[in-house]
Every structure is written in structure tokens, then in C-alpha cells.
Amino acid sequence: MSLTDLHTGFRDAEQQRRVRRVIHDRLADDREQQDCRFLMRFWWQLGMPYQEVSTDELRRNLSSPKLAVVEALIRAVRSSHAEIDAWIDTTERAFPVAEDRGFAAAQDAACEHPAGAP
């Protein structure tokens, strides 16, 4: 099943941004590299008319919990704008914001060794 139609299924640009924010901030956790890589490809797919990732690639590379959430989103996008809003609410409740460990480490290093300090 092609995913190239997904970018046209949103109510407006704001709804699309909200969905992409949920994927980026809550699902694509860099501690799970394979999940993260394919979730970000799916993130791109939501805004592009060409194929960035296939359903087969998602099935092969996402963990079961993340795959179930992505498949629910695909169904929602193909169903209704209200279903997309419900997906956002459900997913935000189910998945906390993923901590960006690289950013946190860079911030800690900057605090320990401020620029210009001896």
C-alpha cells in the first residue's frame, strides 16, 4: 500500500504540523535507532507526494508498539480530520516526550565549560 497520498489527508497545515510534532517529539526516540530512523522517514512522508518509506519497510523496521501507532495514524488520515485529532490526543497521552540525550549532553558540557572560561 502506497503512502504517497498521506500529505493530502490533513485538515490544514497546522494539523499536519501537530501530527509531525507528535512523531518527532514522542515516537522518534534516538535510543531506539532503527525505530527512530524509520519514524523520521515516515515523518517526511507525511509532507511529501513521493515515496520516502513504504508500509513494508515500516513493518520490517518498527517495533510492534510504534508500528501499531503509525498504522492507526495512517487509518486516521484516510478516515477523517476528527480521527486525526483523536490520534494526536491518544498518542500524546500514551507516549511521553522523548529526551534528546545529545542536546542534553551538549548543554551540560556548555555549563561545565562556558565559552571564554579558563
C-alpha atoms as a PDB file:
ATOM      1  CA  MET A   1       0.000   0.000   0.000  1.00  0.00           C
ATOM      2  CA  SER A   2       1.438   3.355  -1.040  1.00  0.00           C
ATOM      3  CA  LEU A   3       1.757   6.165   1.483  1.00  0.00           C
ATOM      4  CA  THR A   4       2.136   8.942  -1.080  1.00  0.00           C
ATOM      5  CA  ASP A   5      -1.432  10.153  -0.517  1.00  0.00           C
ATOM      6  CA  LEU A   6      -0.984  10.921   3.179  1.00  0.00           C
ATOM      7  CA  HIS A   7       0.179  14.518   2.729  1.00  0.00           C
ATOM      8  CA  THR A   8      -3.253  15.434   1.341  1.00  0.00           C
ATOM      9  CA  GLY A   9      -5.266  13.966   4.208  1.00  0.00           C
ATOM     10  CA  PHE A  10      -4.916  16.729   6.784  1.00  0.00           C
ATOM     11  CA  ARG A  11      -7.452  19.449   7.577  1.00  0.00           C
ATOM     12  CA  ASP A  12      -4.784  22.111   7.212  1.00  0.00           C
ATOM     13  CA  ALA A  13      -1.068  22.773   7.652  1.00  0.00           C
ATOM     14  CA  GLU A  14      -1.475  23.167  11.423  1.00  0.00           C
ATOM     15  CA  GLN A  15      -2.958  19.695  11.846  1.00  0.00           C
ATOM     16  CA  GLN A  16      -0.153  18.247   9.757  1.00  0.00           C
ATOM     17  CA  ARG A  17       2.434  20.093  11.911  1.00  0.00           C
ATOM     18  CA  ARG A  18       0.823  18.766  15.107  1.00  0.00           C
ATOM     19  CA  VAL A  19       0.983  15.174  13.847  1.00  0.00           C
ATOM     20  CA  ARG A  20       4.581  15.567  12.738  1.00  0.00           C
ATOM     21  CA  ARG A  21       5.465  17.144  16.107  1.00  0.00           C
ATOM     22  CA  VAL A  22       3.991  14.140  17.946  1.00  0.00           C
ATOM     23  CA  ILE A  23       6.037  11.760  15.791  1.00  0.00           C
ATOM     24  CA  HIS A  24       9.213  13.764  16.245  1.00  0.00           C
ATOM     25  CA  ASP A  25       8.864  14.576  19.937  1.00  0.00           C
ATOM     26  CA  ARG A  26       7.206  11.438  21.288  1.00  0.00           C
ATOM     27  CA  LEU A  27       7.797   8.481  18.967  1.00  0.00           C
ATOM     28  CA  ALA A  28      11.222   9.026  17.369  1.00  0.00           C
ATOM     29  CA  ASP A  29      13.462   8.268  20.347  1.00  0.00           C
ATOM     30  CA  ASP A  30      17.159   8.188  19.441  1.00  0.00           C
ATOM     31  CA  ARG A  31      17.762   5.401  21.977  1.00  0.00           C
ATOM     32  CA  GLU A  32      15.911   3.136  19.537  1.00  0.00           C
ATOM     33  CA  GLN A  33      17.932   3.841  16.389  1.00  0.00           C
ATOM     34  CA  GLN A  34      16.038   1.639  13.930  1.00  0.00           C
ATOM     35  CA  ASP A  35      12.641   2.924  15.092  1.00  0.00           C
ATOM     36  CA  CYS A  36      13.909   6.491  15.035  1.00  0.00           C
ATOM     37  CA  ARG A  37      15.339   6.230  11.511  1.00  0.00           C
ATOM     38  CA  PHE A  38      12.136   4.854  10.009  1.00  0.00           C
ATOM     39  CA  LEU A  39       9.838   7.093  12.034  1.00  0.00           C
ATOM     40  CA  MET A  40      11.706  10.104  10.663  1.00  0.00           C
ATOM     41  CA  ARG A  41      11.346   8.751   7.141  1.00  0.00           C
ATOM     42  CA  PHE A  42       7.617   8.421   7.861  1.00  0.00           C
ATOM     43  CA  TRP A  43       7.680  11.978   9.278  1.00  0.00           C
ATOM     44  CA  TRP A  44       8.986  13.159   5.895  1.00  0.00           C
ATOM     45  CA  GLN A  45       6.416  11.026   4.066  1.00  0.00           C
ATOM     46  CA  LEU A  46       3.587  12.931   5.744  1.00  0.00           C
ATOM     47  CA  GLY A  47       4.626  16.061   3.874  1.00  0.00           C
ATOM     48  CA  MET A  48       5.785  14.666   0.542  1.00  0.00           C
ATOM     49  CA  PRO A  49       3.966  13.420  -2.575  1.00  0.00           C
ATOM     50  CA  TYR A  50       6.767  10.969  -3.455  1.00  0.00           C
ATOM     51  CA  GLN A  51       7.609   7.723  -1.664  1.00  0.00           C
ATOM     52  CA  GLU A  52      10.015   8.224   1.213  1.00  0.00           C
ATOM     53  CA  VAL A  53       9.148   4.979   3.002  1.00  0.00           C
ATOM     54  CA  SER A  54       6.868   2.029   2.299  1.00  0.00           C
ATOM     55  CA  THR A  55       4.473   0.185   4.572  1.00  0.00           C
ATOM     56  CA  ASP A  56       6.635  -2.925   4.153  1.00  0.00           C
ATOM     57  CA  GLU A  57       9.700  -1.021   5.398  1.00  0.00           C
ATOM     58  CA  LEU A  58       7.734   0.256   8.373  1.00  0.00           C
ATOM     59  CA  ARG A  59       6.535  -3.262   9.188  1.00  0.00           C
ATOM     60  CA  ARG A  60      10.063  -4.674   8.965  1.00  0.00           C
ATOM     61  CA  ASN A  61      11.774  -1.925  10.946  1.00  0.00           C
ATOM     62  CA  LEU A  62       9.439  -0.555  13.618  1.00  0.00           C
ATOM     63  CA  SER A  63       8.841  -2.149  16.981  1.00  0.00           C
ATOM     64  CA  SER A  64       5.329  -3.524  17.486  1.00  0.00           C
ATOM     65  CA  PRO A  65       4.074  -0.662  19.701  1.00  0.00           C
ATOM     66  CA  LYS A  66       5.322   2.045  17.322  1.00  0.00           C
ATOM     67  CA  LEU A  67       4.057   0.193  14.257  1.00  0.00           C
ATOM     68  CA  ALA A  68       0.577  -0.037  15.798  1.00  0.00           C
ATOM     69  CA  VAL A  69       0.575   3.732  16.430  1.00  0.00           C
ATOM     70  CA  VAL A  70       1.764   4.508  12.886  1.00  0.00           C
ATOM     71  CA  GLU A  71      -0.822   2.177  11.348  1.00  0.00           C
ATOM     72  CA  ALA A  72      -3.524   3.866  13.467  1.00  0.00           C
ATOM     73  CA  LEU A  73      -2.376   7.231  12.115  1.00  0.00           C
ATOM     74  CA  ILE A  74      -2.497   6.011   8.523  1.00  0.00           C
ATOM     75  CA  ARG A  75      -6.068   4.792   9.063  1.00  0.00           C
ATOM     76  CA  ALA A  76      -6.976   8.109  10.724  1.00  0.00           C
ATOM     77  CA  VAL A  77      -5.545  10.191   7.874  1.00  0.00           C
ATOM     78  CA  ARG A  78      -7.542   8.150   5.403  1.00  0.00           C
ATOM     79  CA  SER A  79     -10.712   8.406   7.533  1.00  0.00           C
ATOM     80  CA  SER A  80     -11.333  11.902   8.843  1.00  0.00           C
ATOM     81  CA  HIS A  81      -9.830  15.005  10.369  1.00  0.00           C
ATOM     82  CA  ALA A  82     -11.582  14.199  13.655  1.00  0.00           C
ATOM     83  CA  GLU A  83      -9.858  10.792  13.701  1.00  0.00           C
ATOM     84  CA  ILE A  84      -6.511  12.526  13.246  1.00  0.00           C
ATOM     85  CA  ASP A  85      -7.278  14.819  16.215  1.00  0.00           C
ATOM     86  CA  ALA A  86      -8.210  11.757  18.283  1.00  0.00           C
ATOM     87  CA  TRP A  87      -4.937  10.058  17.250  1.00  0.00           C
ATOM     88  CA  ILE A  88      -2.976  13.104  18.418  1.00  0.00           C
ATOM     89  CA  ASP A  89      -4.726  13.108  21.813  1.00  0.00           C
ATOM     90  CA  THR A  90      -4.332   9.358  22.329  1.00  0.00           C
ATOM     91  CA  THR A  91      -0.691   9.299  21.288  1.00  0.00           C
ATOM     92  CA  GLU A  92       0.243  12.283  23.444  1.00  0.00           C
ATOM     93  CA  ARG A  93      -1.283  10.522  26.463  1.00  0.00           C
ATOM     94  CA  ALA A  94       0.422   7.206  25.691  1.00  0.00           C
ATOM     95  CA  PHE A  95       3.948   8.421  24.888  1.00  0.00           C
ATOM     96  CA  PRO A  96       5.913  10.949  26.933  1.00  0.00           C
ATOM     97  CA  VAL A  97       8.203  13.438  25.225  1.00  0.00           C
ATOM     98  CA  ALA A  98      11.427  11.625  24.337  1.00  0.00           C
ATOM     99  CA  GLU A  99      14.502  13.115  25.950  1.00  0.00           C
ATOM    100  CA  ASP A 100      17.058  14.354  23.430  1.00  0.00           C
ATOM    101  CA  ARG A 101      20.189  12.950  25.049  1.00  0.00           C
ATOM    102  CA  GLY A 102      22.591  14.574  22.573  1.00  0.00           C
ATOM    103  CA  PHE A 103      21.159  18.026  23.200  1.00  0.00           C
ATOM    104  CA  ALA A 104      21.194  17.479  26.977  1.00  0.00           C
ATOM    105  CA  ALA A 105      24.848  16.351  26.876  1.00  0.00           C
ATOM    106  CA  ALA A 106      25.834  19.408  24.828  1.00  0.00           C
ATOM    107  CA  GLN A 107      24.019  21.686  27.282  1.00  0.00           C
ATOM    108  CA  ASP A 108      25.750  20.026  30.256  1.00  0.00           C
ATOM    109  CA  ALA A 109      29.147  20.402  28.592  1.00  0.00           C
ATOM    110  CA  ALA A 110      28.475  24.073  27.854  1.00  0.00           C
ATOM    111  CA  CYS A 111      27.581  24.670  31.513  1.00  0.00           C
ATOM    112  CA  GLU A 112      30.714  22.893  32.737  1.00  0.00           C
ATOM    113  CA  HIS A 113      32.999  24.703  30.291  1.00  0.00           C
ATOM    114  CA  PRO A 114      31.440  28.055  29.332  1.00  0.00           C
ATOM    115  CA  ALA A 115      32.933  29.801  26.298  1.00  0.00           C
ATOM    116  CA  GLY A 116      35.799  32.054  27.260  1.00  0.00           C
ATOM    117  CA  ALA A 117      36.322  30.398  30.668  1.00  0.00           C
ATOM    118  CA  PRO A 118      39.904  29.473  31.612  1.00  0.00           C
END
